[in-house]
Amino acid sequence: MAKLTEIRWHGRGGQGAKTASLLLADAAFNTGLYVQGFPEYGPERMGAPITAYNRICDERITVHSNIYEPDYVVVVDDSLIKSVPVTKGLKETGAIIINTTKSPEEIREALGGYNGKVCTIDARTISVDCLGSYFPNTPMLAAVIKVSGIMDENAFLSDMEGSFKHKFAKKPEVIEGNMNALRRSLQEVKGL
């Protein structure tokens, strides 16, 4: 039987949630998995709430719709917890991964009774320390790999290094910072 994993991303325009979902799809595809990575578009603008999705499977994916009952939810901006129903449809056998300085226990109180796994990571501090600026999508991408286990961490890091070398060919100085952010994020997820 096929192992299908569905992920829903919540962020704000400009934070890289869409980009992270597409990078996750590329990395999973490069390890031989079948993937979908797509945003849900509306009247998005910088700072407005956005949603993106991933489906990752070891067999061909025949479903082509939004994801209504995700295995994992990624919240790139914890202020969305108050305005967006981030746990809607989230399977209690999965997890929610939130960018916050708060502990999983502190965040659970704000999740409206969600009883599944709650994981947190301080993507702001990691990205500022490693990249010199606030780019939460890189740490959140690694957190998804750590929490979900959808692919081998070393294979993920290797693929991302190749992706960064291609993407930042004219700015090689940012490659090591991004790789450091990924490695550190894999170690700093709380609530596992």
N, C-alpha and C. Protein backbone atom coordinates (compact mmCIF):
# COMPACT_ATOMS: atom_id res chain seq x y z
N MET A 1 0.84 -1.19 0.00
CA MET A 1 0.00 0.00 0.00
C MET A 1 0.89 1.25 0.00
N ALA A 2 0.46 2.26 -0.72
CA ALA A 2 1.24 3.49 -0.87
C ALA A 2 1.30 4.26 0.45
N LYS A 3 2.45 4.85 0.71
CA LYS A 3 2.64 5.71 1.88
C LYS A 3 2.54 7.16 1.39
N LEU A 4 1.36 7.75 1.58
CA LEU A 4 1.10 9.13 1.16
C LEU A 4 1.19 10.05 2.37
N THR A 5 1.97 11.11 2.25
CA THR A 5 2.08 12.12 3.29
C THR A 5 1.60 13.45 2.72
N GLU A 6 0.68 14.08 3.44
CA GLU A 6 0.15 15.37 2.99
C GLU A 6 0.51 16.45 4.02
N ILE A 7 0.98 17.58 3.48
CA ILE A 7 1.46 18.68 4.32
C ILE A 7 0.80 19.98 3.88
N ARG A 8 0.34 20.76 4.86
CA ARG A 8 -0.22 22.08 4.57
C ARG A 8 0.66 23.13 5.25
N TRP A 9 1.02 24.14 4.50
CA TRP A 9 1.87 25.23 4.99
C TRP A 9 1.03 26.48 5.18
N HIS A 10 1.21 27.16 6.31
CA HIS A 10 0.58 28.47 6.56
C HIS A 10 1.69 29.48 6.80
N GLY A 11 1.63 30.58 6.10
CA GLY A 11 2.61 31.63 6.30
C GLY A 11 2.02 32.96 5.87
N ARG A 12 2.87 33.93 5.74
CA ARG A 12 2.47 35.24 5.23
C ARG A 12 3.27 35.50 3.96
N GLY A 13 2.66 36.23 3.05
CA GLY A 13 3.33 36.55 1.80
C GLY A 13 4.69 37.16 2.06
N GLY A 14 5.72 36.62 1.43
CA GLY A 14 7.07 37.12 1.59
C GLY A 14 7.92 36.34 2.58
N GLN A 15 7.32 35.38 3.31
CA GLN A 15 8.09 34.60 4.29
C GLN A 15 8.67 33.32 3.69
N GLY A 16 8.27 32.97 2.48
CA GLY A 16 8.86 31.82 1.82
C GLY A 16 8.15 30.50 2.01
N ALA A 17 6.90 30.49 2.49
CA ALA A 17 6.19 29.22 2.66
C ALA A 17 6.00 28.52 1.32
N LYS A 18 5.62 29.26 0.30
CA LYS A 18 5.45 28.67 -1.02
C LYS A 18 6.78 28.12 -1.53
N THR A 19 7.84 28.90 -1.39
CA THR A 19 9.16 28.45 -1.84
C THR A 19 9.60 27.21 -1.09
N ALA A 20 9.37 27.17 0.22
CA ALA A 20 9.74 25.99 1.01
C ALA A 20 8.98 24.76 0.55
N SER A 21 7.69 24.91 0.25
CA SER A 21 6.91 23.75 -0.20
C SER A 21 7.45 23.24 -1.54
N LEU A 22 7.88 24.15 -2.40
CA LEU A 22 8.43 23.73 -3.70
C LEU A 22 9.82 23.10 -3.53
N LEU A 23 10.63 23.63 -2.61
CA LEU A 23 11.94 23.03 -2.33
C LEU A 23 11.78 21.63 -1.74
N LEU A 24 10.79 21.46 -0.87
CA LEU A 24 10.52 20.14 -0.31
C LEU A 24 10.11 19.16 -1.41
N ALA A 25 9.27 19.62 -2.32
CA ALA A 25 8.86 18.76 -3.44
C ALA A 25 10.06 18.36 -4.29
N ASP A 26 10.93 19.31 -4.59
CA ASP A 26 12.13 19.02 -5.39
C ASP A 26 13.03 18.01 -4.68
N ALA A 27 13.27 18.22 -3.40
CA ALA A 27 14.16 17.32 -2.65
C ALA A 27 13.58 15.91 -2.59
N ALA A 28 12.29 15.79 -2.33
CA ALA A 28 11.65 14.48 -2.27
C ALA A 28 11.68 13.80 -3.64
N PHE A 29 11.42 14.56 -4.69
CA PHE A 29 11.46 14.03 -6.05
C PHE A 29 12.85 13.49 -6.37
N ASN A 30 13.87 14.24 -5.97
CA ASN A 30 15.25 13.84 -6.26
C ASN A 30 15.68 12.59 -5.51
N THR A 31 14.92 12.19 -4.49
CA THR A 31 15.21 10.93 -3.79
C THR A 31 14.33 9.79 -4.30
N GLY A 32 13.59 10.04 -5.39
CA GLY A 32 12.80 8.98 -6.02
C GLY A 32 11.34 8.92 -5.62
N LEU A 33 10.87 9.89 -4.87
CA LEU A 33 9.47 9.89 -4.46
C LEU A 33 8.62 10.66 -5.48
N TYR A 34 7.34 10.40 -5.47
CA TYR A 34 6.39 11.16 -6.28
C TYR A 34 5.93 12.34 -5.45
N VAL A 35 5.76 13.49 -6.08
CA VAL A 35 5.49 14.70 -5.32
C VAL A 35 4.47 15.62 -5.99
N GLN A 36 3.89 16.44 -5.15
CA GLN A 36 3.13 17.61 -5.59
C GLN A 36 3.50 18.73 -4.62
N GLY A 37 3.69 19.92 -5.15
CA GLY A 37 3.94 21.09 -4.33
C GLY A 37 3.25 22.26 -5.01
N PHE A 38 2.29 22.87 -4.32
CA PHE A 38 1.52 23.92 -4.97
C PHE A 38 0.95 24.90 -3.95
N PRO A 39 0.84 26.15 -4.34
CA PRO A 39 0.23 27.15 -3.47
C PRO A 39 -1.26 27.27 -3.75
N GLU A 40 -1.96 27.85 -2.81
CA GLU A 40 -3.36 28.22 -3.02
C GLU A 40 -3.37 29.73 -3.17
N TYR A 41 -3.73 30.18 -4.35
CA TYR A 41 -3.67 31.62 -4.60
C TYR A 41 -5.01 32.28 -4.38
N GLY A 42 -4.94 33.46 -3.87
CA GLY A 42 -6.07 34.36 -3.69
C GLY A 42 -5.51 35.75 -3.87
N PRO A 43 -6.02 36.71 -3.17
CA PRO A 43 -5.51 38.08 -3.32
C PRO A 43 -4.27 38.32 -2.44
N GLU A 44 -3.28 37.41 -2.55
CA GLU A 44 -2.10 37.51 -1.69
C GLU A 44 -1.31 38.78 -1.97
N ARG A 45 -0.74 39.29 -0.92
CA ARG A 45 0.17 40.42 -1.00
C ARG A 45 1.14 40.26 0.15
N MET A 46 2.20 41.01 0.12
CA MET A 46 3.21 40.93 1.17
C MET A 46 2.55 41.03 2.54
N GLY A 47 2.76 40.04 3.38
CA GLY A 47 2.22 40.04 4.74
C GLY A 47 0.85 39.40 4.90
N ALA A 48 0.16 39.14 3.80
CA ALA A 48 -1.16 38.51 3.89
C ALA A 48 -1.01 36.99 4.09
N PRO A 49 -1.95 36.35 4.79
CA PRO A 49 -1.87 34.89 4.97
C PRO A 49 -1.90 34.15 3.64
N ILE A 50 -1.05 33.14 3.51
CA ILE A 50 -1.02 32.30 2.32
C ILE A 50 -1.01 30.83 2.76
N THR A 51 -1.38 29.97 1.83
CA THR A 51 -1.37 28.53 2.09
C THR A 51 -0.67 27.84 0.93
N ALA A 52 0.12 26.83 1.25
CA ALA A 52 0.77 26.01 0.23
C ALA A 52 0.65 24.55 0.67
N TYR A 53 0.86 23.64 -0.26
CA TYR A 53 0.64 22.23 0.02
C TYR A 53 1.73 21.35 -0.57
N ASN A 54 1.90 20.18 0.06
CA ASN A 54 2.75 19.12 -0.49
C ASN A 54 2.04 17.79 -0.34
N ARG A 55 2.19 16.97 -1.37
CA ARG A 55 1.86 15.55 -1.28
C ARG A 55 3.13 14.83 -1.67
N ILE A 56 3.49 13.84 -0.87
CA ILE A 56 4.70 13.06 -1.12
C ILE A 56 4.33 11.59 -0.94
N CYS A 57 4.69 10.77 -1.94
CA CYS A 57 4.26 9.37 -1.92
C CYS A 57 5.30 8.50 -2.61
N ASP A 58 5.29 7.22 -2.26
CA ASP A 58 6.20 6.28 -2.91
C ASP A 58 5.58 5.68 -4.18
N GLU A 59 4.36 6.05 -4.49
CA GLU A 59 3.68 5.64 -5.73
C GLU A 59 3.09 6.87 -6.41
N ARG A 60 2.72 6.72 -7.67
CA ARG A 60 2.13 7.83 -8.43
C ARG A 60 0.94 8.42 -7.66
N ILE A 61 0.85 9.74 -7.66
CA ILE A 61 -0.22 10.45 -6.96
C ILE A 61 -1.32 10.78 -7.96
N THR A 62 -2.53 10.33 -7.68
CA THR A 62 -3.64 10.57 -8.61
C THR A 62 -4.64 11.60 -8.10
N VAL A 63 -4.44 12.09 -6.88
CA VAL A 63 -5.32 13.10 -6.30
C VAL A 63 -4.79 14.48 -6.73
N HIS A 64 -5.69 15.34 -7.19
CA HIS A 64 -5.29 16.69 -7.61
C HIS A 64 -6.26 17.71 -7.03
N SER A 65 -6.16 17.91 -5.72
CA SER A 65 -7.03 18.88 -5.04
C SER A 65 -6.25 19.49 -3.90
N ASN A 66 -6.84 20.45 -3.24
CA ASN A 66 -6.23 20.97 -2.02
C ASN A 66 -6.19 19.86 -0.99
N ILE A 67 -5.51 20.08 0.08
CA ILE A 67 -5.39 19.08 1.14
C ILE A 67 -6.27 19.51 2.31
N TYR A 68 -7.22 18.65 2.65
CA TYR A 68 -8.19 18.99 3.68
C TYR A 68 -7.94 18.27 5.00
N GLU A 69 -7.21 17.15 4.96
CA GLU A 69 -6.88 16.40 6.17
C GLU A 69 -5.39 16.07 6.16
N PRO A 70 -4.55 17.10 6.39
CA PRO A 70 -3.11 16.89 6.30
C PRO A 70 -2.56 16.03 7.44
N ASP A 71 -1.44 15.40 7.15
CA ASP A 71 -0.70 14.67 8.18
C ASP A 71 0.11 15.65 9.02
N TYR A 72 0.59 16.71 8.36
CA TYR A 72 1.43 17.71 9.02
C TYR A 72 0.98 19.10 8.60
N VAL A 73 1.06 20.02 9.54
CA VAL A 73 0.82 21.43 9.25
C VAL A 73 2.05 22.20 9.70
N VAL A 74 2.51 23.10 8.84
CA VAL A 74 3.67 23.94 9.13
C VAL A 74 3.18 25.38 9.23
N VAL A 75 3.46 26.02 10.36
CA VAL A 75 3.05 27.40 10.58
C VAL A 75 4.31 28.25 10.64
N VAL A 76 4.54 29.03 9.58
CA VAL A 76 5.76 29.82 9.46
C VAL A 76 5.69 31.09 10.32
N ASP A 77 4.50 31.55 10.64
CA ASP A 77 4.31 32.77 11.44
C ASP A 77 3.30 32.46 12.53
N ASP A 78 3.74 32.41 13.79
CA ASP A 78 2.85 31.99 14.88
C ASP A 78 1.69 32.96 15.13
N SER A 79 1.74 34.17 14.58
CA SER A 79 0.59 35.08 14.75
C SER A 79 -0.64 34.57 13.99
N LEU A 80 -0.43 33.66 13.05
CA LEU A 80 -1.55 33.10 12.29
C LEU A 80 -2.43 32.19 13.13
N ILE A 81 -1.90 31.69 14.23
CA ILE A 81 -2.69 30.80 15.09
C ILE A 81 -3.96 31.48 15.57
N LYS A 82 -3.91 32.80 15.75
CA LYS A 82 -5.07 33.54 16.24
C LYS A 82 -6.07 33.87 15.13
N SER A 83 -5.63 33.87 13.86
CA SER A 83 -6.53 34.32 12.79
C SER A 83 -6.87 33.27 11.74
N VAL A 84 -6.14 32.17 11.70
CA VAL A 84 -6.35 31.12 10.70
C VAL A 84 -6.56 29.79 11.44
N PRO A 85 -7.55 28.99 11.04
CA PRO A 85 -7.75 27.70 11.71
C PRO A 85 -6.68 26.68 11.29
N VAL A 86 -5.47 26.84 11.84
CA VAL A 86 -4.32 26.05 11.38
C VAL A 86 -4.45 24.56 11.67
N THR A 87 -5.23 24.17 12.65
CA THR A 87 -5.37 22.74 12.95
C THR A 87 -6.57 22.10 12.25
N LYS A 88 -7.29 22.86 11.47
CA LYS A 88 -8.48 22.33 10.79
C LYS A 88 -8.10 21.11 9.95
N GLY A 89 -8.74 19.99 10.24
CA GLY A 89 -8.53 18.76 9.49
C GLY A 89 -7.24 18.03 9.80
N LEU A 90 -6.37 18.61 10.62
CA LEU A 90 -5.07 18.00 10.91
C LEU A 90 -5.26 16.68 11.67
N LYS A 91 -4.67 15.63 11.12
CA LYS A 91 -4.78 14.31 11.74
C LYS A 91 -4.02 14.31 13.07
N GLU A 92 -4.62 13.72 14.08
CA GLU A 92 -3.96 13.67 15.39
C GLU A 92 -2.82 12.68 15.41
N THR A 93 -2.68 11.87 14.36
CA THR A 93 -1.52 10.97 14.24
C THR A 93 -0.34 11.69 13.62
N GLY A 94 -0.54 12.91 13.17
CA GLY A 94 0.52 13.71 12.56
C GLY A 94 1.09 14.69 13.56
N ALA A 95 1.36 15.91 13.07
CA ALA A 95 1.93 16.93 13.96
C ALA A 95 1.76 18.31 13.35
N ILE A 96 1.82 19.30 14.21
CA ILE A 96 1.88 20.69 13.78
C ILE A 96 3.27 21.21 14.16
N ILE A 97 3.90 21.94 13.25
CA ILE A 97 5.24 22.46 13.44
C ILE A 97 5.15 23.97 13.36
N ILE A 98 5.52 24.67 14.43
CA ILE A 98 5.29 26.11 14.51
C ILE A 98 6.60 26.86 14.75
N ASN A 99 6.79 27.92 13.99
CA ASN A 99 7.91 28.84 14.19
C ASN A 99 7.55 29.76 15.34
N THR A 100 8.20 29.55 16.49
CA THR A 100 7.91 30.36 17.67
C THR A 100 9.03 30.22 18.68
N THR A 101 9.10 31.16 19.59
CA THR A 101 10.05 31.04 20.70
C THR A 101 9.42 30.29 21.87
N LYS A 102 8.13 30.02 21.78
CA LYS A 102 7.42 29.33 22.86
C LYS A 102 7.66 27.82 22.80
N SER A 103 7.43 27.17 23.92
CA SER A 103 7.57 25.72 24.01
C SER A 103 6.33 25.06 23.41
N PRO A 104 6.43 23.78 23.07
CA PRO A 104 5.24 23.08 22.59
C PRO A 104 4.07 23.14 23.59
N GLU A 105 4.38 23.06 24.87
CA GLU A 105 3.33 23.10 25.89
C GLU A 105 2.62 24.46 25.91
N GLU A 106 3.38 25.54 25.77
CA GLU A 106 2.79 26.88 25.75
C GLU A 106 1.90 27.07 24.51
N ILE A 107 2.34 26.56 23.38
CA ILE A 107 1.58 26.70 22.13
C ILE A 107 0.32 25.85 22.13
N ARG A 108 0.38 24.67 22.71
CA ARG A 108 -0.77 23.76 22.70
C ARG A 108 -2.04 24.45 23.21
N GLU A 109 -1.88 25.30 24.22
CA GLU A 109 -3.04 26.01 24.79
C GLU A 109 -3.76 26.87 23.76
N ALA A 110 -3.05 27.36 22.76
CA ALA A 110 -3.65 28.24 21.76
C ALA A 110 -4.21 27.48 20.56
N LEU A 111 -4.11 26.16 20.56
CA LEU A 111 -4.50 25.38 19.38
C LEU A 111 -5.91 24.83 19.42
N GLY A 112 -6.72 25.28 20.32
CA GLY A 112 -8.14 24.92 20.31
C GLY A 112 -8.43 23.45 20.49
N GLY A 113 -7.69 22.77 21.34
CA GLY A 113 -8.00 21.37 21.64
C GLY A 113 -7.32 20.34 20.76
N TYR A 114 -6.40 20.73 19.91
CA TYR A 114 -5.68 19.74 19.10
C TYR A 114 -4.87 18.83 20.02
N ASN A 115 -5.05 17.51 19.85
CA ASN A 115 -4.42 16.55 20.75
C ASN A 115 -3.22 15.83 20.16
N GLY A 116 -2.85 16.14 18.92
CA GLY A 116 -1.70 15.49 18.31
C GLY A 116 -0.39 16.11 18.76
N LYS A 117 0.68 15.73 18.09
CA LYS A 117 2.02 16.21 18.44
C LYS A 117 2.17 17.68 18.05
N VAL A 118 2.75 18.45 18.96
CA VAL A 118 3.03 19.86 18.72
C VAL A 118 4.54 20.05 18.79
N CYS A 119 5.12 20.53 17.70
CA CYS A 119 6.56 20.77 17.64
C CYS A 119 6.81 22.24 17.37
N THR A 120 7.86 22.77 17.97
CA THR A 120 8.20 24.18 17.77
C THR A 120 9.68 24.30 17.39
N ILE A 121 9.97 25.40 16.74
CA ILE A 121 11.35 25.74 16.39
C ILE A 121 11.44 27.26 16.30
N ASP A 122 12.54 27.80 16.77
CA ASP A 122 12.75 29.25 16.70
C ASP A 122 13.47 29.56 15.38
N ALA A 123 12.72 29.58 14.30
CA ALA A 123 13.29 29.80 12.96
C ALA A 123 13.85 31.21 12.82
N ARG A 124 13.31 32.15 13.55
CA ARG A 124 13.82 33.53 13.48
C ARG A 124 15.27 33.58 13.97
N THR A 125 15.52 33.08 15.15
CA THR A 125 16.87 33.12 15.70
C THR A 125 17.85 32.34 14.82
N ILE A 126 17.44 31.17 14.38
CA ILE A 126 18.32 30.35 13.54
C ILE A 126 18.67 31.09 12.25
N SER A 127 17.66 31.65 11.59
CA SER A 127 17.94 32.31 10.31
C SER A 127 18.77 33.58 10.50
N VAL A 128 18.49 34.34 11.54
CA VAL A 128 19.29 35.55 11.78
C VAL A 128 20.74 35.17 12.12
N ASP A 129 20.92 34.16 12.96
CA ASP A 129 22.27 33.72 13.33
C ASP A 129 23.04 33.18 12.12
N CYS A 130 22.38 32.38 11.30
CA CYS A 130 23.07 31.69 10.20
C CYS A 130 23.09 32.48 8.90
N LEU A 131 22.06 33.29 8.67
CA LEU A 131 21.93 33.98 7.39
C LEU A 131 22.07 35.49 7.50
N GLY A 132 22.04 35.99 8.72
CA GLY A 132 22.17 37.43 8.91
C GLY A 132 20.90 38.21 8.68
N SER A 133 19.81 37.52 8.40
CA SER A 133 18.53 38.17 8.15
C SER A 133 17.42 37.16 8.43
N TYR A 134 16.17 37.62 8.43
CA TYR A 134 15.05 36.75 8.77
C TYR A 134 14.47 36.08 7.53
N PHE A 135 14.85 34.83 7.33
CA PHE A 135 14.32 33.98 6.27
C PHE A 135 13.85 32.69 6.93
N PRO A 136 12.61 32.64 7.43
CA PRO A 136 12.16 31.48 8.21
C PRO A 136 11.96 30.20 7.41
N ASN A 137 11.85 30.31 6.08
CA ASN A 137 11.52 29.11 5.31
C ASN A 137 12.61 28.05 5.36
N THR A 138 13.87 28.45 5.40
CA THR A 138 14.95 27.46 5.42
C THR A 138 14.91 26.62 6.70
N PRO A 139 14.85 27.22 7.89
CA PRO A 139 14.74 26.41 9.10
C PRO A 139 13.44 25.58 9.14
N MET A 140 12.34 26.14 8.67
CA MET A 140 11.08 25.41 8.70
C MET A 140 11.12 24.19 7.79
N LEU A 141 11.79 24.31 6.67
CA LEU A 141 11.94 23.19 5.75
C LEU A 141 12.65 22.02 6.45
N ALA A 142 13.74 22.31 7.14
CA ALA A 142 14.46 21.25 7.86
C ALA A 142 13.60 20.68 8.99
N ALA A 143 12.82 21.53 9.65
CA ALA A 143 11.96 21.05 10.74
C ALA A 143 10.94 20.04 10.22
N VAL A 144 10.41 20.28 9.02
CA VAL A 144 9.45 19.34 8.42
C VAL A 144 10.11 17.98 8.21
N ILE A 145 11.33 17.99 7.70
CA ILE A 145 12.05 16.73 7.47
C ILE A 145 12.26 16.01 8.80
N LYS A 146 12.67 16.73 9.83
CA LYS A 146 12.93 16.13 11.14
C LYS A 146 11.67 15.53 11.73
N VAL A 147 10.57 16.26 11.72
CA VAL A 147 9.34 15.82 12.37
C VAL A 147 8.66 14.71 11.58
N SER A 148 8.60 14.85 10.26
CA SER A 148 7.84 13.89 9.44
C SER A 148 8.63 12.63 9.12
N GLY A 149 9.94 12.74 9.00
CA GLY A 149 10.74 11.59 8.60
C GLY A 149 10.47 11.13 7.18
N ILE A 150 9.96 12.02 6.33
CA ILE A 150 9.59 11.61 4.97
C ILE A 150 10.77 11.29 4.08
N MET A 151 11.96 11.74 4.49
CA MET A 151 13.15 11.36 3.74
C MET A 151 14.35 11.37 4.67
N ASP A 152 15.37 10.67 4.27
CA ASP A 152 16.60 10.59 5.05
C ASP A 152 17.21 11.99 5.20
N GLU A 153 17.62 12.35 6.41
CA GLU A 153 18.16 13.68 6.67
C GLU A 153 19.42 13.96 5.86
N ASN A 154 20.30 12.96 5.74
CA ASN A 154 21.54 13.18 4.97
C ASN A 154 21.26 13.35 3.48
N ALA A 155 20.30 12.58 2.96
CA ALA A 155 19.91 12.74 1.56
C ALA A 155 19.31 14.12 1.34
N PHE A 156 18.51 14.57 2.29
CA PHE A 156 17.91 15.91 2.23
C PHE A 156 19.00 16.98 2.20
N LEU A 157 19.96 16.89 3.13
CA LEU A 157 21.02 17.90 3.19
C LEU A 157 21.85 17.90 1.91
N SER A 158 22.15 16.73 1.39
CA SER A 158 22.92 16.64 0.15
C SER A 158 22.17 17.28 -1.01
N ASP A 159 20.88 16.97 -1.11
CA ASP A 159 20.08 17.55 -2.19
C ASP A 159 19.97 19.06 -2.06
N MET A 160 19.77 19.54 -0.84
CA MET A 160 19.63 20.98 -0.63
C MET A 160 20.94 21.70 -0.94
N GLU A 161 22.07 21.09 -0.64
CA GLU A 161 23.35 21.72 -0.95
C GLU A 161 23.49 21.88 -2.47
N GLY A 162 23.10 20.85 -3.22
CA GLY A 162 23.13 20.95 -4.68
C GLY A 162 22.17 22.02 -5.18
N SER A 163 20.99 22.09 -4.57
CA SER A 163 20.00 23.09 -4.96
C SER A 163 20.52 24.50 -4.67
N PHE A 164 21.11 24.70 -3.49
CA PHE A 164 21.64 26.01 -3.14
C PHE A 164 22.81 26.40 -4.07
N LYS A 165 23.66 25.44 -4.42
CA LYS A 165 24.78 25.75 -5.32
C LYS A 165 24.27 26.23 -6.67
N HIS A 166 23.17 25.64 -7.11
CA HIS A 166 22.57 26.07 -8.38
C HIS A 166 21.87 27.42 -8.23
N LYS A 167 21.04 27.53 -7.19
CA LYS A 167 20.25 28.75 -6.98
C LYS A 167 21.13 29.96 -6.69
N PHE A 168 22.19 29.75 -5.91
CA PHE A 168 23.05 30.85 -5.49
C PHE A 168 24.41 30.81 -6.19
N ALA A 169 24.44 30.39 -7.44
CA ALA A 169 25.71 30.28 -8.17
C ALA A 169 26.45 31.61 -8.21
N LYS A 170 25.72 32.71 -8.27
CA LYS A 170 26.36 34.02 -8.32
C LYS A 170 26.55 34.64 -6.93
N LYS A 171 26.06 33.94 -5.89
CA LYS A 171 26.24 34.40 -4.51
C LYS A 171 26.68 33.22 -3.64
N PRO A 172 27.82 32.63 -3.93
CA PRO A 172 28.23 31.42 -3.19
C PRO A 172 28.41 31.64 -1.69
N GLU A 173 28.56 32.88 -1.27
CA GLU A 173 28.75 33.16 0.16
C GLU A 173 27.52 32.81 0.99
N VAL A 174 26.34 32.71 0.38
CA VAL A 174 25.12 32.41 1.15
C VAL A 174 24.87 30.91 1.28
N ILE A 175 25.59 30.11 0.52
CA ILE A 175 25.36 28.66 0.54
C ILE A 175 25.64 28.09 1.93
N GLU A 176 26.80 28.39 2.49
CA GLU A 176 27.17 27.83 3.80
C GLU A 176 26.21 28.28 4.89
N GLY A 177 25.75 29.52 4.85
CA GLY A 177 24.79 30.00 5.83
C GLY A 177 23.48 29.22 5.78
N ASN A 178 23.00 28.97 4.56
CA ASN A 178 21.78 28.18 4.40
C ASN A 178 21.97 26.75 4.88
N MET A 179 23.11 26.16 4.57
CA MET A 179 23.39 24.80 5.03
C MET A 179 23.49 24.75 6.55
N ASN A 180 24.13 25.74 7.14
CA ASN A 180 24.21 25.80 8.60
C ASN A 180 22.83 25.93 9.22
N ALA A 181 21.96 26.73 8.60
CA ALA A 181 20.59 26.89 9.10
C ALA A 181 19.84 25.56 9.05
N LEU A 182 20.02 24.80 7.96
CA LEU A 182 19.36 23.49 7.86
C LEU A 182 19.87 22.53 8.93
N ARG A 183 21.19 22.44 9.06
CA ARG A 183 21.77 21.50 10.04
C ARG A 183 21.34 21.86 11.47
N ARG A 184 21.41 23.13 11.78
CA ARG A 184 21.03 23.57 13.13
C ARG A 184 19.54 23.30 13.39
N SER A 185 18.72 23.53 12.39
CA SER A 185 17.27 23.32 12.55
C SER A 185 16.95 21.86 12.82
N LEU A 186 17.66 20.96 12.17
CA LEU A 186 17.43 19.53 12.40
C LEU A 186 17.70 19.17 13.86
N GLN A 187 18.54 19.93 14.53
CA GLN A 187 18.89 19.65 15.93
C GLN A 187 18.02 20.38 16.93
N GLU A 188 17.34 21.46 16.52
CA GLU A 188 16.68 22.33 17.49
C GLU A 188 15.15 22.24 17.51
N VAL A 189 14.58 21.29 16.81
CA VAL A 189 13.12 21.12 16.87
C VAL A 189 12.75 20.60 18.25
N LYS A 190 11.75 21.20 18.88
CA LYS A 190 11.28 20.77 20.20
C LYS A 190 9.94 20.04 20.07
N GLY A 191 9.72 19.09 20.95
CA GLY A 191 8.44 18.39 20.99
C GLY A 191 8.44 17.05 20.28
N LEU A 192 9.61 16.57 19.89
CA LEU A 192 9.69 15.28 19.18
C LEU A 192 9.38 14.12 20.09
